[in-house]
Every structure is written in C-alpha cells, then in structure tokens.
Amino acid sequence: MTSTVTNNISPDILPDLFSDPGLMKMIEQDEGFSPTLYKDSNGLNHIGIGFCLDRRTMPRAVALYWMDLIIDEVIQDLGATYCYEIYTGLDRARRFAILNMCYQMGVNGVCHPVTGFKRMWASLKAGEYEEAAGHAIDSDWYRRDTPNRAMRVADVIRTGSLHRYGM
C-alpha cells in the first residue's frame, strides 16, 4: 500500500529522500532534538526531532519501538533494586506482569522499599502467588488508577498464564 504522500513520487527516488543519513542530519540540525514536550513559535506541541503532536499522529511502528526502548530501561532500572532477584526467579508470564506494572507506574512505584508493593514482593519471593495477586489489587493502582488492567495483571501473577492477553 502506497502512502498518499508518495503516490505521485517516482519509487526510484524514495530511498534517497526518506532514509538518507545526510537528509536526516540536515533536518535534525534545523529542528534540534528535545526529549521532552515543547511548544514551537506557533504554540504547537512538539517532541523529539520536530515531531508535531498537534498535526500528526504517531505511527504504530514508532510507538512499538519506543515501548521496546522503555521496557529495556525498565529492566535496567529493575536490576538496581531489591526486587530484581525475586523478579529473575519468576516464570516468563509473571515477569511480564511485573514489567507491565513497572511500565505503567515506574520501577520506583512498584519496587520502592517503603511505598512500593512490598507485601506483593514478599509473597512473590515465598512463591505465594494467590497472596501476591491479592496484594497487587489491594492498592490505589486497582482502586483509583486502572482497575481493569490491575485485575488482568493480578490474574497473570495468580495463575502464571497470559490467557487474559490472548497468549
């Protein structure tokens, strides 16, 4: 399927236009890079290298790539916490549940030794998955933030199965 933007452009020039490192360097030099949201001179919201959030939608491929980068950061950050040893002892599905929680609430929100899910972590360490799932939903995350998501994730912690996600 050809993009409406490129319908009238000869296909033999597309690689030169859209992937050339020189073009990308040129645009980055003029646009600059901002890792945080900023407003341009017209008051429009931008992020990254001139990506206008008010005039464009984020391509799914970009969102998936960004999510993958964030997951890598979450795993690195998790490695610096007391939770990591417990996390590495979990099966794949339960590790996914923990990463899902950290993706939403941040590693500090899930693993903080005082305000994090310490009872959940103690239960996970003991292999008490039913209890761990109960502690996960005995939280503001369930009561106030995203109850449906919390129930799905808690179900993965409880069962070790990703069936609620169609996997």
C-alpha atoms as a PDB file:
ATOM      1  CA  MET A   1       0.000   0.000   0.000  1.00  0.00           C
ATOM      2  CA  THR A   2       1.461   3.336  -1.035  1.00  0.00           C
ATOM      3  CA  SER A   3       1.151   6.381   1.166  1.00  0.00           C
ATOM      4  CA  THR A   4      -0.939   9.245  -0.228  1.00  0.00           C
ATOM      5  CA  VAL A   5       2.096  11.457   0.302  1.00  0.00           C
ATOM      6  CA  THR A   6       4.221   9.338  -2.034  1.00  0.00           C
ATOM      7  CA  ASN A   7       1.614   8.425  -4.695  1.00  0.00           C
ATOM      8  CA  ASN A   8       2.981  10.921  -7.216  1.00  0.00           C
ATOM      9  CA  ILE A   9       6.680  10.395  -6.466  1.00  0.00           C
ATOM     10  CA  SER A  10       8.725   8.044  -8.586  1.00  0.00           C
ATOM     11  CA  PRO A  11       9.618   4.971  -6.443  1.00  0.00           C
ATOM     12  CA  ASP A  12      13.258   5.095  -7.572  1.00  0.00           C
ATOM     13  CA  ILE A  13      13.866   8.326  -5.615  1.00  0.00           C
ATOM     14  CA  LEU A  14      12.143   7.260  -2.377  1.00  0.00           C
ATOM     15  CA  PRO A  15      15.227   5.673  -0.767  1.00  0.00           C
ATOM     16  CA  ASP A  16      17.218   8.845  -1.417  1.00  0.00           C
ATOM     17  CA  LEU A  17      14.515  11.028   0.088  1.00  0.00           C
ATOM     18  CA  PHE A  18      13.454   9.085   3.157  1.00  0.00           C
ATOM     19  CA  SER A  19      16.461   7.230   4.521  1.00  0.00           C
ATOM     20  CA  ASP A  20      19.479   9.213   3.570  1.00  0.00           C
ATOM     21  CA  PRO A  21      21.581   9.941   6.685  1.00  0.00           C
ATOM     22  CA  GLY A  22      22.548  13.306   5.214  1.00  0.00           C
ATOM     23  CA  LEU A  23      18.922  14.370   4.970  1.00  0.00           C
ATOM     24  CA  MET A  24      18.262  13.164   8.488  1.00  0.00           C
ATOM     25  CA  LYS A  25      21.308  15.073   9.804  1.00  0.00           C
ATOM     26  CA  MET A  26      20.186  18.194   7.952  1.00  0.00           C
ATOM     27  CA  ILE A  27      16.674  18.071   9.416  1.00  0.00           C
ATOM     28  CA  GLU A  28      17.912  17.263  12.925  1.00  0.00           C
ATOM     29  CA  GLN A  29      20.296  20.219  12.762  1.00  0.00           C
ATOM     30  CA  ASP A  30      17.463  22.567  11.813  1.00  0.00           C
ATOM     31  CA  GLU A  31      14.808  21.075  14.108  1.00  0.00           C
ATOM     32  CA  GLY A  32      17.007  20.215  17.060  1.00  0.00           C
ATOM     33  CA  PHE A  33      16.221  17.425  19.486  1.00  0.00           C
ATOM     34  CA  SER A  34      14.103  17.657  22.609  1.00  0.00           C
ATOM     35  CA  PRO A  35      13.445  14.596  24.772  1.00  0.00           C
ATOM     36  CA  THR A  36      10.562  16.467  26.398  1.00  0.00           C
ATOM     37  CA  LEU A  37       7.452  18.229  25.138  1.00  0.00           C
ATOM     38  CA  TYR A  38       7.939  21.803  23.956  1.00  0.00           C
ATOM     39  CA  LYS A  39       5.893  24.449  22.163  1.00  0.00           C
ATOM     40  CA  ASP A  40       7.165  25.922  18.924  1.00  0.00           C
ATOM     41  CA  SER A  41       6.890  29.598  17.943  1.00  0.00           C
ATOM     42  CA  ASN A  42       3.291  28.957  16.822  1.00  0.00           C
ATOM     43  CA  GLY A  43       2.307  27.373  20.129  1.00  0.00           C
ATOM     44  CA  LEU A  44       2.169  23.837  18.717  1.00  0.00           C
ATOM     45  CA  ASN A  45       3.327  20.877  20.814  1.00  0.00           C
ATOM     46  CA  HIS A  46       6.428  19.033  19.620  1.00  0.00           C
ATOM     47  CA  ILE A  47       8.727  16.285  20.863  1.00  0.00           C
ATOM     48  CA  GLY A  48      11.834  14.574  19.546  1.00  0.00           C
ATOM     49  CA  ILE A  49      13.099  15.980  16.276  1.00  0.00           C
ATOM     50  CA  GLY A  50      10.301  18.360  15.337  1.00  0.00           C
ATOM     51  CA  PHE A  51       7.509  15.802  15.692  1.00  0.00           C
ATOM     52  CA  CYS A  52       4.368  17.941  15.910  1.00  0.00           C
ATOM     53  CA  LEU A  53       1.839  16.238  18.151  1.00  0.00           C
ATOM     54  CA  ASP A  54      -0.894  18.676  17.141  1.00  0.00           C
ATOM     55  CA  ARG A  55      -0.675  17.940  13.412  1.00  0.00           C
ATOM     56  CA  ARG A  56       0.457  14.312  13.229  1.00  0.00           C
ATOM     57  CA  THR A  57      -0.433  11.016  14.760  1.00  0.00           C
ATOM     58  CA  MET A  58       2.336   8.783  16.000  1.00  0.00           C
ATOM     59  CA  PRO A  59       2.905   5.839  13.689  1.00  0.00           C
ATOM     60  CA  ARG A  60       2.353   2.497  15.452  1.00  0.00           C
ATOM     61  CA  ALA A  61       5.859   1.350  14.447  1.00  0.00           C
ATOM     62  CA  VAL A  62       7.328   4.343  16.283  1.00  0.00           C
ATOM     63  CA  ALA A  63       5.185   3.662  19.354  1.00  0.00           C
ATOM     64  CA  LEU A  64       6.249  -0.012  19.393  1.00  0.00           C
ATOM     65  CA  TYR A  65       9.912   0.932  19.025  1.00  0.00           C
ATOM     66  CA  TRP A  66       9.585   3.497  21.808  1.00  0.00           C
ATOM     67  CA  MET A  67       7.812   0.965  24.035  1.00  0.00           C
ATOM     68  CA  ASP A  68      10.645  -1.510  23.431  1.00  0.00           C
ATOM     69  CA  LEU A  69      13.220   1.091  24.473  1.00  0.00           C
ATOM     70  CA  ILE A  70      11.236   1.886  27.620  1.00  0.00           C
ATOM     71  CA  ILE A  71      10.964  -1.814  28.502  1.00  0.00           C
ATOM     72  CA  ASP A  72      14.762  -2.105  28.192  1.00  0.00           C
ATOM     73  CA  GLU A  73      15.151   0.880  30.548  1.00  0.00           C
ATOM     74  CA  VAL A  74      12.648  -0.647  32.986  1.00  0.00           C
ATOM     75  CA  ILE A  75      14.632  -3.900  33.097  1.00  0.00           C
ATOM     76  CA  GLN A  76      17.876  -1.978  33.673  1.00  0.00           C
ATOM     77  CA  ASP A  77      16.277   0.105  36.437  1.00  0.00           C
ATOM     78  CA  LEU A  78      14.755  -3.013  37.994  1.00  0.00           C
ATOM     79  CA  GLY A  79      18.256  -4.512  38.132  1.00  0.00           C
ATOM     80  CA  ALA A  80      19.276  -1.834  40.623  1.00  0.00           C
ATOM     81  CA  THR A  81      16.523  -2.693  43.122  1.00  0.00           C
ATOM     82  CA  TYR A  82      15.967  -5.296  45.838  1.00  0.00           C
ATOM     83  CA  CYS A  83      13.171  -6.676  43.616  1.00  0.00           C
ATOM     84  CA  TYR A  84      15.463  -7.881  40.841  1.00  0.00           C
ATOM     85  CA  GLU A  85      16.484 -11.147  42.494  1.00  0.00           C
ATOM     86  CA  ILE A  86      12.831 -12.013  43.080  1.00  0.00           C
ATOM     87  CA  TYR A  87      11.925 -10.916  39.530  1.00  0.00           C
ATOM     88  CA  THR A  88      14.582 -13.147  37.947  1.00  0.00           C
ATOM     89  CA  GLY A  89      13.233 -16.146  39.855  1.00  0.00           C
ATOM     90  CA  LEU A  90       9.762 -15.763  38.350  1.00  0.00           C
ATOM     91  CA  ASP A  91       8.448 -17.566  35.286  1.00  0.00           C
ATOM     92  CA  ARG A  92       8.069 -15.668  31.998  1.00  0.00           C
ATOM     93  CA  ALA A  93       4.384 -14.744  32.469  1.00  0.00           C
ATOM     94  CA  ARG A  94       4.907 -13.338  35.963  1.00  0.00           C
ATOM     95  CA  ARG A  95       7.990 -11.395  34.797  1.00  0.00           C
ATOM     96  CA  PHE A  96       5.748  -9.926  32.081  1.00  0.00           C
ATOM     97  CA  ALA A  97       3.234  -8.919  34.778  1.00  0.00           C
ATOM     98  CA  ILE A  98       5.948  -7.132  36.763  1.00  0.00           C
ATOM     99  CA  LEU A  99       7.258  -5.372  33.656  1.00  0.00           C
ATOM    100  CA  ASN A 100       3.711  -4.306  32.778  1.00  0.00           C
ATOM    101  CA  MET A 101       3.318  -2.773  36.243  1.00  0.00           C
ATOM    102  CA  CYS A 102       6.707  -1.033  36.025  1.00  0.00           C
ATOM    103  CA  TYR A 103       5.927   0.257  32.534  1.00  0.00           C
ATOM    104  CA  GLN A 104       2.803   1.956  33.878  1.00  0.00           C
ATOM    105  CA  MET A 105       3.923   3.078  37.346  1.00  0.00           C
ATOM    106  CA  GLY A 106       7.690   3.215  37.005  1.00  0.00           C
ATOM    107  CA  VAL A 107      10.148   0.914  38.741  1.00  0.00           C
ATOM    108  CA  ASN A 108      10.157   3.143  41.813  1.00  0.00           C
ATOM    109  CA  GLY A 109       6.378   2.951  42.039  1.00  0.00           C
ATOM    110  CA  VAL A 110       6.482  -0.855  42.041  1.00  0.00           C
ATOM    111  CA  CYS A 111       9.743  -1.522  43.904  1.00  0.00           C
ATOM    112  CA  HIS A 112      10.126   1.332  46.345  1.00  0.00           C
ATOM    113  CA  PRO A 113      11.096  -0.301  49.676  1.00  0.00           C
ATOM    114  CA  VAL A 114       8.598   1.801  51.631  1.00  0.00           C
ATOM    115  CA  THR A 115       5.781   2.848  49.310  1.00  0.00           C
ATOM    116  CA  GLY A 116       6.039   0.154  46.603  1.00  0.00           C
ATOM    117  CA  PHE A 117       4.275  -3.192  46.553  1.00  0.00           C
ATOM    118  CA  LYS A 118       6.435  -4.680  49.352  1.00  0.00           C
ATOM    119  CA  ARG A 119       3.821  -7.201  50.529  1.00  0.00           C
ATOM    120  CA  MET A 120       3.366  -8.374  46.944  1.00  0.00           C
ATOM    121  CA  TRP A 121       7.143  -8.804  46.592  1.00  0.00           C
ATOM    122  CA  ALA A 122       7.355 -10.749  49.873  1.00  0.00           C
ATOM    123  CA  SER A 123       4.609 -13.079  48.649  1.00  0.00           C
ATOM    124  CA  LEU A 124       6.281 -13.496  45.256  1.00  0.00           C
ATOM    125  CA  LYS A 125       9.546 -14.361  46.990  1.00  0.00           C
ATOM    126  CA  ALA A 126       7.730 -17.026  49.027  1.00  0.00           C
ATOM    127  CA  GLY A 127       6.021 -18.409  45.903  1.00  0.00           C
ATOM    128  CA  GLU A 128       2.612 -17.438  47.305  1.00  0.00           C
ATOM    129  CA  TYR A 129       1.110 -16.257  44.014  1.00  0.00           C
ATOM    130  CA  GLU A 130      -2.538 -16.081  45.098  1.00  0.00           C
ATOM    131  CA  GLU A 131      -1.495 -13.891  48.014  1.00  0.00           C
ATOM    132  CA  ALA A 132       0.799 -11.785  45.796  1.00  0.00           C
ATOM    133  CA  ALA A 133      -2.074 -11.149  43.378  1.00  0.00           C
ATOM    134  CA  GLY A 134      -4.258 -10.078  46.300  1.00  0.00           C
ATOM    135  CA  HIS A 135      -1.616  -7.608  47.445  1.00  0.00           C
ATOM    136  CA  ALA A 136      -1.336  -6.238  43.895  1.00  0.00           C
ATOM    137  CA  ILE A 137      -5.024  -5.354  43.822  1.00  0.00           C
ATOM    138  CA  ASP A 138      -5.066  -4.124  47.415  1.00  0.00           C
ATOM    139  CA  SER A 139      -3.709  -0.836  46.117  1.00  0.00           C
ATOM    140  CA  ASP A 140      -4.517   2.576  44.710  1.00  0.00           C
ATOM    141  CA  TRP A 141      -3.437   1.131  41.378  1.00  0.00           C
ATOM    142  CA  TYR A 142      -6.555  -1.041  41.490  1.00  0.00           C
ATOM    143  CA  ARG A 143      -8.890   1.207  43.477  1.00  0.00           C
ATOM    144  CA  ARG A 144      -8.128   4.516  41.796  1.00  0.00           C
ATOM    145  CA  ASP A 145      -5.931   4.204  38.726  1.00  0.00           C
ATOM    146  CA  THR A 146      -6.637   1.324  36.329  1.00  0.00           C
ATOM    147  CA  PRO A 147      -8.750  -1.397  37.947  1.00  0.00           C
ATOM    148  CA  ASN A 148      -9.289  -3.453  34.782  1.00  0.00           C
ATOM    149  CA  ARG A 149      -5.594  -3.520  33.988  1.00  0.00           C
ATOM    150  CA  ALA A 150      -4.743  -4.300  37.612  1.00  0.00           C
ATOM    151  CA  MET A 151      -7.149  -7.269  37.584  1.00  0.00           C
ATOM    152  CA  ARG A 152      -5.647  -8.648  34.353  1.00  0.00           C
ATOM    153  CA  VAL A 153      -2.095  -8.297  35.656  1.00  0.00           C
ATOM    154  CA  ALA A 154      -3.043  -9.754  39.041  1.00  0.00           C
ATOM    155  CA  ASP A 155      -4.580 -12.713  37.217  1.00  0.00           C
ATOM    156  CA  VAL A 156      -1.230 -13.327  35.499  1.00  0.00           C
ATOM    157  CA  ILE A 157       0.534 -13.139  38.882  1.00  0.00           C
ATOM    158  CA  ARG A 158      -2.008 -15.555  40.351  1.00  0.00           C
ATOM    159  CA  THR A 159      -2.021 -18.124  37.529  1.00  0.00           C
ATOM    160  CA  GLY A 160       1.264 -17.703  35.688  1.00  0.00           C
ATOM    161  CA  SER A 161      -0.791 -17.686  32.483  1.00  0.00           C
ATOM    162  CA  LEU A 162      -1.112 -14.980  29.843  1.00  0.00           C
ATOM    163  CA  HIS A 163      -4.525 -16.234  28.689  1.00  0.00           C
ATOM    164  CA  ARG A 164      -6.199 -12.906  29.640  1.00  0.00           C
ATOM    165  CA  TYR A 165      -3.976 -11.343  26.966  1.00  0.00           C
ATOM    166  CA  GLY A 166      -4.736 -13.948  24.323  1.00  0.00           C
ATOM    167  CA  MET A 167      -1.303 -15.581  24.624  1.00  0.00           C
END
